[in-house]
C-alpha cells in the first residue's frame, strides 16, 4: 500500500510540474514547408484557391475517406469556405481570406476546442518552376496543455505539410 501511495504522490507531483512548466511555454506556433514545383504559379493557385481542389492533394481527407465536407460561399477565391466533420482528423473549417493572383492564397483555419490559426500558400516563380511555401501560424492561448502542443506543432503538422506539398507537386506537374 505504501508503494502505491508513493507512486501516486510522484505521478501527481510530475503532473503539477508539467502543467506549471506549460504556463511558461510560448503560446504561439508557426510551421513552414517549401517545395519546388515545375508548373506556373497560376496552375498551382487553381489547385489551392478552390476548396474542392484540396480534396485532390490534401493529406487530411485522404486519411479519412469518410470525412463529411460541406462547402459554402464562393466556389473559389476570397469567400470560399468549407467545414468538415471527421472522427480521425477532427472537426473544423477553413475560409479563403485573401488571394493575390499568382503570388499567394491565405486562409483562416478553425478546429474544435482551439483558437483559429492563419495560413497561406505562396508562390515565387523561378526559371521554369515555382517555389511554393506553405505556412501556418497560430496562438494557443493560456491553457498550459495547449502550450505544450504549440511547442510540438511543427513536428505534428510539418509532415502533413510535406505530404500535401508532394501531392500538390505531382498534381500540378501533370500535363
N, C-alpha and C. Protein backbone atom coordinates (compact mmCIF):
# COMPACT_ATOMS: atom_id res chain seq x y z
N UNK A 1 0.82 -1.19 0.00
CA UNK A 1 0.00 0.00 0.00
C UNK A 1 0.87 1.26 0.00
N UNK A 2 1.98 1.24 0.77
CA UNK A 2 2.89 2.39 0.78
C UNK A 2 3.47 2.64 -0.60
N UNK A 3 3.77 1.57 -1.34
CA UNK A 3 4.33 1.69 -2.68
C UNK A 3 3.34 2.37 -3.62
N UNK A 4 2.10 1.99 -3.56
CA UNK A 4 1.07 2.58 -4.42
C UNK A 4 0.88 4.06 -4.06
N UNK A 5 0.82 4.37 -2.76
CA UNK A 5 0.67 5.76 -2.33
C UNK A 5 1.88 6.60 -2.76
N UNK A 6 3.07 6.06 -2.63
CA UNK A 6 4.28 6.77 -3.04
C UNK A 6 4.31 7.02 -4.54
N UNK A 7 3.92 6.01 -5.30
CA UNK A 7 3.87 6.14 -6.76
C UNK A 7 2.84 7.19 -7.17
N UNK A 8 1.68 7.15 -6.55
CA UNK A 8 0.62 8.12 -6.84
C UNK A 8 1.08 9.54 -6.51
N UNK A 9 1.78 9.69 -5.38
CA UNK A 9 2.31 11.00 -4.99
C UNK A 9 3.27 11.54 -6.06
N UNK A 10 4.16 10.70 -6.57
CA UNK A 10 5.12 11.13 -7.59
C UNK A 10 4.43 11.45 -8.92
N UNK A 11 3.39 10.70 -9.27
CA UNK A 11 2.64 10.98 -10.51
C UNK A 11 1.93 12.34 -10.42
N UNK A 12 1.31 12.61 -9.28
CA UNK A 12 0.64 13.90 -9.10
C UNK A 12 1.66 15.04 -9.14
N UNK A 13 2.79 14.85 -8.48
CA UNK A 13 3.84 15.86 -8.49
C UNK A 13 4.34 16.12 -9.92
N UNK A 14 4.56 15.05 -10.68
CA UNK A 14 5.02 15.19 -12.07
C UNK A 14 3.98 15.95 -12.91
N UNK A 15 2.69 15.63 -12.71
CA UNK A 15 1.63 16.32 -13.47
C UNK A 15 1.61 17.80 -13.12
N UNK A 16 1.74 18.13 -11.84
CA UNK A 16 1.75 19.53 -11.41
C UNK A 16 2.94 20.26 -12.01
N UNK A 17 4.10 19.64 -12.01
CA UNK A 17 5.31 20.26 -12.57
C UNK A 17 5.13 20.49 -14.08
N UNK A 18 4.63 19.49 -14.79
CA UNK A 18 4.43 19.64 -16.24
C UNK A 18 3.42 20.74 -16.56
N UNK A 19 2.33 20.79 -15.80
CA UNK A 19 1.36 21.87 -16.00
C UNK A 19 1.99 23.23 -15.69
N UNK A 20 2.75 23.29 -14.60
CA UNK A 20 3.41 24.55 -14.24
C UNK A 20 4.35 25.03 -15.32
N UNK A 21 5.15 24.13 -15.86
CA UNK A 21 6.06 24.49 -16.95
C UNK A 21 5.26 24.98 -18.16
N UNK A 22 4.11 24.35 -18.40
CA UNK A 22 3.26 24.72 -19.54
C UNK A 22 2.89 26.19 -19.55
N UNK A 23 2.72 26.78 -18.38
CA UNK A 23 2.37 28.21 -18.30
C UNK A 23 3.48 29.11 -18.83
N UNK A 24 4.71 28.61 -18.81
CA UNK A 24 5.85 29.43 -19.24
C UNK A 24 6.29 29.14 -20.68
N UNK A 25 5.65 28.16 -21.31
CA UNK A 25 5.99 27.84 -22.70
C UNK A 25 5.37 28.88 -23.63
N UNK A 26 5.94 29.06 -24.82
CA UNK A 26 5.34 30.02 -25.78
C UNK A 26 3.95 29.55 -26.18
N UNK A 27 3.08 30.53 -26.39
CA UNK A 27 1.71 30.19 -26.80
C UNK A 27 1.54 30.26 -28.31
N UNK A 28 2.54 30.77 -29.01
CA UNK A 28 2.44 30.92 -30.46
C UNK A 28 3.22 29.81 -31.16
N UNK A 29 2.73 29.46 -32.34
CA UNK A 29 3.44 28.46 -33.15
C UNK A 29 3.47 28.92 -34.60
N UNK A 30 4.41 28.37 -35.33
CA UNK A 30 4.49 28.60 -36.78
C UNK A 30 5.13 27.37 -37.41
N UNK A 31 4.54 26.94 -38.51
CA UNK A 31 5.07 25.81 -39.27
C UNK A 31 5.19 26.24 -40.72
N UNK A 32 6.32 25.94 -41.34
CA UNK A 32 6.55 26.30 -42.73
C UNK A 32 7.26 25.14 -43.44
N UNK A 33 6.80 24.85 -44.65
CA UNK A 33 7.48 23.89 -45.50
C UNK A 33 7.47 24.44 -46.93
N UNK A 34 8.47 24.04 -47.73
CA UNK A 34 8.60 24.53 -49.11
C UNK A 34 8.87 23.38 -50.05
N UNK A 35 8.53 23.62 -51.32
CA UNK A 35 8.82 22.66 -52.37
C UNK A 35 8.91 23.41 -53.70
N UNK A 36 9.69 22.89 -54.63
CA UNK A 36 9.75 23.46 -55.97
C UNK A 36 8.87 22.62 -56.88
N UNK A 37 7.99 23.29 -57.59
CA UNK A 37 7.04 22.62 -58.49
C UNK A 37 7.29 23.12 -59.90
N UNK A 38 7.40 22.20 -60.84
CA UNK A 38 7.62 22.55 -62.25
C UNK A 38 6.29 22.86 -62.92
N UNK A 39 5.70 23.97 -62.49
CA UNK A 39 4.43 24.45 -63.05
C UNK A 39 4.35 25.94 -62.76
N UNK A 40 3.46 26.61 -63.46
CA UNK A 40 3.30 28.04 -63.28
C UNK A 40 2.56 28.34 -61.97
N UNK A 41 2.79 29.52 -61.41
CA UNK A 41 2.04 29.89 -60.20
C UNK A 41 0.53 29.84 -60.41
N UNK A 42 0.08 30.22 -61.59
CA UNK A 42 -1.35 30.23 -61.88
C UNK A 42 -1.95 28.82 -61.85
N UNK A 43 -1.22 27.84 -62.39
CA UNK A 43 -1.71 26.46 -62.37
C UNK A 43 -1.77 25.94 -60.94
N UNK A 44 -0.78 26.27 -60.14
CA UNK A 44 -0.76 25.83 -58.74
C UNK A 44 -1.86 26.53 -57.96
N UNK A 45 -2.02 27.83 -58.17
CA UNK A 45 -3.04 28.59 -57.45
C UNK A 45 -4.43 28.00 -57.70
N UNK A 46 -4.70 27.55 -58.90
CA UNK A 46 -6.01 26.97 -59.22
C UNK A 46 -6.30 25.73 -58.38
N UNK A 47 -5.25 25.07 -57.88
CA UNK A 47 -5.43 23.89 -57.03
C UNK A 47 -5.50 24.26 -55.55
N UNK A 48 -5.25 25.52 -55.24
CA UNK A 48 -5.20 25.96 -53.85
C UNK A 48 -6.36 26.89 -53.49
N UNK A 49 -6.82 27.70 -54.42
CA UNK A 49 -7.85 28.70 -54.06
C UNK A 49 -9.28 28.18 -54.20
N UNK A 50 -9.45 26.90 -54.51
CA UNK A 50 -10.77 26.28 -54.60
C UNK A 50 -10.86 25.14 -53.58
N UNK A 51 -11.74 25.25 -52.60
CA UNK A 51 -11.84 24.20 -51.58
C UNK A 51 -11.99 22.78 -52.13
N UNK A 52 -12.78 22.61 -53.17
CA UNK A 52 -12.97 21.26 -53.72
C UNK A 52 -11.67 20.70 -54.31
N UNK A 53 -10.77 21.56 -54.76
CA UNK A 53 -9.50 21.10 -55.31
C UNK A 53 -8.58 20.55 -54.21
N UNK A 54 -8.76 21.01 -52.96
CA UNK A 54 -7.93 20.50 -51.86
C UNK A 54 -8.12 18.98 -51.70
N UNK A 55 -9.29 18.49 -52.07
CA UNK A 55 -9.54 17.05 -51.98
C UNK A 55 -8.55 16.25 -52.82
N UNK A 56 -8.02 16.87 -53.86
CA UNK A 56 -7.11 16.17 -54.78
C UNK A 56 -5.69 16.04 -54.23
N UNK A 57 -5.33 16.88 -53.24
CA UNK A 57 -3.95 16.85 -52.77
C UNK A 57 -3.76 16.93 -51.26
N UNK A 58 -4.75 17.35 -50.52
CA UNK A 58 -4.61 17.50 -49.07
C UNK A 58 -4.44 16.15 -48.38
N UNK A 59 -3.53 16.04 -47.44
CA UNK A 59 -3.31 14.75 -46.77
C UNK A 59 -4.43 14.37 -45.80
N UNK A 60 -5.16 15.35 -45.27
CA UNK A 60 -6.11 15.05 -44.20
C UNK A 60 -7.32 14.27 -44.68
N UNK A 61 -7.90 14.66 -45.79
CA UNK A 61 -9.08 13.92 -46.23
C UNK A 61 -8.70 12.54 -46.79
N UNK A 62 -7.46 12.36 -47.18
CA UNK A 62 -7.01 11.03 -47.63
C UNK A 62 -6.96 10.05 -46.48
N UNK A 63 -6.61 10.56 -45.28
CA UNK A 63 -6.57 9.68 -44.11
C UNK A 63 -7.96 9.30 -43.63
N UNK A 64 -8.95 10.15 -43.95
CA UNK A 64 -10.32 9.83 -43.57
C UNK A 64 -11.24 9.98 -44.78
N UNK A 65 -11.37 8.91 -45.56
CA UNK A 65 -12.26 9.00 -46.73
C UNK A 65 -13.73 9.18 -46.35
N UNK A 66 -14.08 8.96 -45.09
CA UNK A 66 -15.47 9.15 -44.63
C UNK A 66 -15.73 10.55 -44.09
N UNK A 67 -14.75 11.43 -44.23
CA UNK A 67 -14.90 12.80 -43.76
C UNK A 67 -16.10 13.45 -44.44
N UNK A 68 -16.95 14.10 -43.65
CA UNK A 68 -18.13 14.80 -44.18
C UNK A 68 -17.73 16.26 -44.41
N UNK A 69 -17.83 16.70 -45.67
CA UNK A 69 -17.42 18.06 -46.03
C UNK A 69 -18.62 18.82 -46.60
N UNK A 70 -18.76 20.07 -46.14
CA UNK A 70 -19.81 20.95 -46.64
C UNK A 70 -19.15 22.23 -47.15
N UNK A 71 -19.50 22.62 -48.36
CA UNK A 71 -18.94 23.82 -48.99
C UNK A 71 -19.97 24.94 -48.97
N UNK A 72 -19.47 26.18 -48.86
CA UNK A 72 -20.36 27.34 -48.92
C UNK A 72 -19.59 28.53 -49.46
N UNK A 73 -20.32 29.60 -49.71
CA UNK A 73 -19.68 30.81 -50.22
C UNK A 73 -19.28 30.65 -51.67
N UNK A 74 -18.25 31.39 -52.05
CA UNK A 74 -17.76 31.37 -53.42
C UNK A 74 -17.18 29.99 -53.75
N UNK A 75 -17.16 29.64 -55.02
CA UNK A 75 -16.57 28.37 -55.44
C UNK A 75 -15.05 28.38 -55.30
N UNK A 76 -14.46 29.55 -55.50
CA UNK A 76 -13.01 29.70 -55.35
C UNK A 76 -12.69 31.13 -54.95
N UNK A 77 -11.53 31.32 -54.42
CA UNK A 77 -11.08 32.65 -54.05
C UNK A 77 -11.66 33.12 -52.72
N UNK A 78 -11.54 34.43 -52.49
CA UNK A 78 -12.00 35.01 -51.23
C UNK A 78 -13.48 34.68 -51.02
N UNK A 79 -13.79 34.21 -49.83
CA UNK A 79 -15.17 33.85 -49.50
C UNK A 79 -15.48 32.38 -49.70
N UNK A 80 -14.58 31.63 -50.31
CA UNK A 80 -14.80 30.19 -50.43
C UNK A 80 -14.59 29.56 -49.07
N UNK A 81 -15.52 28.70 -48.66
CA UNK A 81 -15.47 28.12 -47.32
C UNK A 81 -15.81 26.64 -47.38
N UNK A 82 -15.26 25.92 -46.41
CA UNK A 82 -15.68 24.56 -46.22
C UNK A 82 -15.52 24.17 -44.77
N UNK A 83 -16.40 23.28 -44.32
CA UNK A 83 -16.31 22.74 -42.97
C UNK A 83 -16.31 21.22 -43.09
N UNK A 84 -15.70 20.55 -42.11
CA UNK A 84 -15.63 19.11 -42.15
C UNK A 84 -15.89 18.53 -40.76
N UNK A 85 -16.36 17.30 -40.77
CA UNK A 85 -16.55 16.52 -39.56
C UNK A 85 -15.84 15.21 -39.80
N UNK A 86 -14.93 14.87 -38.89
CA UNK A 86 -14.13 13.66 -39.06
C UNK A 86 -13.82 13.03 -37.71
N UNK A 87 -14.01 11.73 -37.63
CA UNK A 87 -13.70 11.02 -36.38
C UNK A 87 -12.21 10.95 -36.13
N UNK A 88 -11.40 10.93 -37.19
CA UNK A 88 -9.95 10.78 -37.02
C UNK A 88 -9.17 12.08 -37.18
N UNK A 89 -9.67 13.02 -37.99
CA UNK A 89 -8.93 14.25 -38.27
C UNK A 89 -9.47 15.45 -37.52
N UNK A 90 -10.53 15.28 -36.77
CA UNK A 90 -11.13 16.37 -36.01
C UNK A 90 -12.15 17.13 -36.85
N UNK A 91 -12.87 18.01 -36.19
CA UNK A 91 -13.88 18.84 -36.85
C UNK A 91 -13.32 20.24 -37.00
N UNK A 92 -13.62 20.87 -38.13
CA UNK A 92 -13.11 22.22 -38.33
C UNK A 92 -13.66 22.86 -39.57
N UNK A 93 -13.03 23.97 -39.92
CA UNK A 93 -13.43 24.69 -41.11
C UNK A 93 -12.32 25.60 -41.59
N UNK A 94 -12.40 25.95 -42.86
CA UNK A 94 -11.38 26.80 -43.46
C UNK A 94 -12.07 27.79 -44.39
N UNK A 95 -11.61 29.03 -44.36
CA UNK A 95 -12.11 30.09 -45.25
C UNK A 95 -10.93 30.68 -46.00
N UNK A 96 -11.09 30.86 -47.30
CA UNK A 96 -10.09 31.59 -48.08
C UNK A 96 -10.31 33.07 -47.78
N UNK A 97 -9.28 33.73 -47.27
CA UNK A 97 -9.42 35.12 -46.81
C UNK A 97 -8.76 36.14 -47.73
N UNK A 98 -7.79 35.71 -48.52
CA UNK A 98 -7.09 36.64 -49.41
C UNK A 98 -6.47 35.86 -50.56
N UNK A 99 -6.56 36.43 -51.74
CA UNK A 99 -5.89 35.87 -52.92
C UNK A 99 -5.15 36.99 -53.61
N UNK A 100 -3.87 36.83 -53.75
CA UNK A 100 -3.03 37.75 -54.50
C UNK A 100 -2.63 36.95 -55.75
N UNK A 101 -3.33 37.15 -56.88
CA UNK A 101 -3.19 36.27 -58.04
C UNK A 101 -1.74 35.97 -58.43
N UNK A 102 -1.45 34.67 -58.52
CA UNK A 102 -0.14 34.21 -58.90
C UNK A 102 0.93 34.34 -57.83
N UNK A 103 0.52 34.85 -56.64
CA UNK A 103 1.50 35.08 -55.58
C UNK A 103 1.16 34.40 -54.26
N UNK A 104 -0.13 34.41 -53.87
CA UNK A 104 -0.45 33.91 -52.54
C UNK A 104 -1.95 33.63 -52.39
N UNK A 105 -2.25 32.59 -51.60
CA UNK A 105 -3.61 32.29 -51.15
C UNK A 105 -3.54 32.16 -49.63
N UNK A 106 -4.31 33.00 -48.94
CA UNK A 106 -4.32 32.99 -47.47
C UNK A 106 -5.64 32.41 -46.97
N UNK A 107 -5.58 31.80 -45.80
CA UNK A 107 -6.79 31.19 -45.23
C UNK A 107 -6.82 31.33 -43.72
N UNK A 108 -8.02 31.13 -43.19
CA UNK A 108 -8.24 31.06 -41.75
C UNK A 108 -8.71 29.65 -41.45
N UNK A 109 -8.14 29.03 -40.42
CA UNK A 109 -8.46 27.64 -40.07
C UNK A 109 -9.03 27.60 -38.66
N UNK A 110 -10.15 26.90 -38.50
CA UNK A 110 -10.76 26.70 -37.19
C UNK A 110 -10.85 25.20 -36.92
N UNK A 111 -10.40 24.81 -35.74
CA UNK A 111 -10.55 23.43 -35.29
C UNK A 111 -11.28 23.47 -33.95
N UNK A 112 -12.12 22.47 -33.68
CA UNK A 112 -12.84 22.43 -32.41
C UNK A 112 -11.87 22.56 -31.24
N UNK A 113 -12.28 23.32 -30.25
CA UNK A 113 -11.55 23.48 -28.99
C UNK A 113 -10.18 24.15 -29.14
N UNK A 114 -9.93 24.82 -30.25
CA UNK A 114 -8.65 25.51 -30.42
C UNK A 114 -8.91 26.91 -30.97
N UNK A 115 -7.98 27.81 -30.72
CA UNK A 115 -8.08 29.15 -31.30
C UNK A 115 -7.88 29.05 -32.81
N UNK A 116 -8.48 29.97 -33.57
CA UNK A 116 -8.25 29.96 -35.01
C UNK A 116 -6.78 30.21 -35.34
N UNK A 117 -6.34 29.69 -36.45
CA UNK A 117 -4.99 29.96 -36.93
C UNK A 117 -5.09 30.49 -38.36
N UNK A 118 -4.00 31.03 -38.85
CA UNK A 118 -3.97 31.55 -40.21
C UNK A 118 -2.90 30.82 -40.99
N UNK A 119 -3.08 30.76 -42.28
CA UNK A 119 -2.10 30.11 -43.12
C UNK A 119 -2.09 30.70 -44.50
N UNK A 120 -1.08 30.31 -45.25
CA UNK A 120 -1.01 30.75 -46.64
C UNK A 120 -0.11 29.81 -47.42
N UNK A 121 -0.42 29.73 -48.68
CA UNK A 121 0.47 29.10 -49.64
C UNK A 121 0.91 30.21 -50.58
N UNK A 122 2.22 30.42 -50.66
CA UNK A 122 2.74 31.49 -51.50
C UNK A 122 3.53 30.88 -52.65
N UNK A 123 3.56 31.62 -53.76
CA UNK A 123 4.17 31.13 -55.00
C UNK A 123 5.21 32.13 -55.48
N UNK A 124 6.46 31.66 -55.64
CA UNK A 124 7.54 32.51 -56.13
C UNK A 124 8.10 31.88 -57.39
N UNK A 125 7.82 32.48 -58.55
CA UNK A 125 8.32 31.89 -59.80
C UNK A 125 9.84 31.96 -59.88
N UNK A 126 10.41 30.87 -60.39
CA UNK A 126 11.83 30.82 -60.70
C UNK A 126 11.93 30.43 -62.17
N UNK A 127 13.09 30.11 -62.66
CA UNK A 127 13.22 29.77 -64.08
C UNK A 127 12.55 28.43 -64.36
N UNK A 128 11.36 28.49 -64.96
CA UNK A 128 10.65 27.29 -65.37
C UNK A 128 9.96 26.53 -64.24
N UNK A 129 9.99 27.05 -63.03
CA UNK A 129 9.33 26.37 -61.92
C UNK A 129 8.80 27.42 -60.93
N UNK A 130 8.20 26.93 -59.87
CA UNK A 130 7.65 27.81 -58.84
C UNK A 130 8.03 27.26 -57.47
N UNK A 131 8.55 28.14 -56.64
CA UNK A 131 8.83 27.77 -55.25
C UNK A 131 7.53 27.99 -54.47
N UNK A 132 6.99 26.92 -53.88
CA UNK A 132 5.74 27.01 -53.12
C UNK A 132 6.08 26.88 -51.64
N UNK A 133 5.57 27.82 -50.87
CA UNK A 133 5.81 27.84 -49.43
C UNK A 133 4.47 27.76 -48.71
N UNK A 134 4.31 26.76 -47.84
CA UNK A 134 3.09 26.59 -47.06
C UNK A 134 3.42 26.96 -45.62
N UNK A 135 2.71 27.94 -45.11
CA UNK A 135 2.97 28.45 -43.77
C UNK A 135 1.67 28.52 -42.99
N UNK A 136 1.73 28.15 -41.72
CA UNK A 136 0.58 28.30 -40.83
C UNK A 136 1.09 28.78 -39.47
N UNK A 137 0.34 29.68 -38.85
CA UNK A 137 0.71 30.22 -37.55
C UNK A 137 -0.54 30.38 -36.71
N UNK A 138 -0.35 30.30 -35.40
CA UNK A 138 -1.49 30.44 -34.51
C UNK A 138 -1.09 30.75 -33.09
N UNK A 139 -2.08 30.99 -32.30
CA UNK A 139 -1.94 31.34 -30.89
C UNK A 139 -2.74 30.31 -30.09
N UNK A 140 -2.09 29.63 -29.16
CA UNK A 140 -2.75 28.57 -28.39
C UNK A 140 -3.41 29.07 -27.12
N UNK A 141 -3.20 30.32 -26.75
CA UNK A 141 -3.85 30.86 -25.56
C UNK A 141 -3.13 30.48 -24.28
N UNK A 142 -3.83 30.62 -23.15
CA UNK A 142 -3.23 30.42 -21.85
C UNK A 142 -3.27 29.00 -21.31
N UNK A 143 -3.98 28.11 -21.97
CA UNK A 143 -4.08 26.73 -21.50
C UNK A 143 -2.70 26.07 -21.54
N UNK A 144 -2.17 25.61 -20.40
CA UNK A 144 -0.82 25.05 -20.39
C UNK A 144 -0.69 23.77 -21.22
N UNK A 145 -1.75 23.01 -21.35
CA UNK A 145 -1.70 21.80 -22.18
C UNK A 145 -1.60 22.20 -23.65
N UNK A 146 -2.38 23.20 -24.06
CA UNK A 146 -2.30 23.67 -25.44
C UNK A 146 -0.91 24.24 -25.75
N UNK A 147 -0.29 24.87 -24.75
CA UNK A 147 1.05 25.42 -24.96
C UNK A 147 2.07 24.31 -25.22
N UNK A 148 1.90 23.14 -24.61
CA UNK A 148 2.77 22.01 -24.93
C UNK A 148 2.58 21.63 -26.39
N UNK A 149 1.33 21.69 -26.88
CA UNK A 149 1.06 21.40 -28.30
C UNK A 149 1.72 22.44 -29.19
N UNK A 150 1.71 23.72 -28.77
CA UNK A 150 2.36 24.77 -29.57
C UNK A 150 3.84 24.45 -29.74
N UNK A 151 4.44 23.94 -28.68
CA UNK A 151 5.86 23.58 -28.71
C UNK A 151 6.13 22.46 -29.72
N UNK A 152 5.15 21.56 -29.88
CA UNK A 152 5.32 20.39 -30.75
C UNK A 152 4.65 20.53 -32.12
N UNK A 153 4.01 21.67 -32.37
CA UNK A 153 3.18 21.81 -33.57
C UNK A 153 3.95 21.57 -34.86
N UNK A 154 5.17 22.05 -34.95
CA UNK A 154 5.93 21.85 -36.18
C UNK A 154 6.13 20.36 -36.45
N UNK A 155 6.43 19.60 -35.41
CA UNK A 155 6.61 18.15 -35.57
C UNK A 155 5.29 17.44 -35.83
N UNK A 156 4.18 18.01 -35.36
CA UNK A 156 2.88 17.37 -35.54
C UNK A 156 2.33 17.59 -36.95
N UNK A 157 2.38 18.84 -37.44
CA UNK A 157 1.76 19.11 -38.75
C UNK A 157 2.77 19.28 -39.88
N UNK A 158 4.04 19.44 -39.55
CA UNK A 158 5.06 19.57 -40.59
C UNK A 158 5.05 18.41 -41.57
N UNK A 159 5.01 17.16 -41.09
CA UNK A 159 4.96 16.03 -42.03
C UNK A 159 3.72 16.04 -42.92
N UNK A 160 2.59 16.54 -42.39
CA UNK A 160 1.39 16.66 -43.21
C UNK A 160 1.58 17.70 -44.31
N UNK A 161 2.23 18.81 -43.97
CA UNK A 161 2.53 19.83 -44.98
C UNK A 161 3.43 19.24 -46.07
N UNK A 162 4.44 18.48 -45.67
CA UNK A 162 5.35 17.87 -46.64
C UNK A 162 4.59 16.92 -47.57
N UNK A 163 3.73 16.08 -47.00
CA UNK A 163 2.94 15.14 -47.81
C UNK A 163 2.00 15.89 -48.74
N UNK A 164 1.36 16.93 -48.23
CA UNK A 164 0.45 17.72 -49.06
C UNK A 164 1.17 18.41 -50.21
N UNK A 165 2.34 18.97 -49.93
CA UNK A 165 3.11 19.64 -50.99
C UNK A 165 3.58 18.65 -52.04
N UNK A 166 3.96 17.44 -51.64
CA UNK A 166 4.36 16.42 -52.61
C UNK A 166 3.18 16.04 -53.51
N UNK A 167 2.00 15.91 -52.92
CA UNK A 167 0.81 15.60 -53.72
C UNK A 167 0.44 16.76 -54.63
N UNK A 168 0.57 17.99 -54.11
CA UNK A 168 0.29 19.17 -54.93
C UNK A 168 1.25 19.22 -56.12
N UNK A 169 2.53 18.93 -55.86
CA UNK A 169 3.54 18.90 -56.92
C UNK A 169 3.19 17.88 -57.99
N UNK A 170 2.86 16.67 -57.57
CA UNK A 170 2.53 15.59 -58.53
C UNK A 170 1.33 16.01 -59.38
N UNK A 171 0.34 16.61 -58.76
CA UNK A 171 -0.88 17.02 -59.47
C UNK A 171 -0.60 18.19 -60.41
N UNK A 172 0.15 19.18 -59.96
CA UNK A 172 0.40 20.38 -60.77
C UNK A 172 1.34 20.08 -61.93
N UNK A 173 2.20 19.09 -61.78
CA UNK A 173 3.16 18.78 -62.84
C UNK A 173 2.59 17.85 -63.91
N UNK A 174 1.37 17.36 -63.72
CA UNK A 174 0.73 16.56 -64.76
C UNK A 174 0.44 17.45 -65.96
N UNK A 175 0.65 16.91 -67.17
CA UNK A 175 0.37 17.73 -68.38
C UNK A 175 -1.11 18.01 -68.54
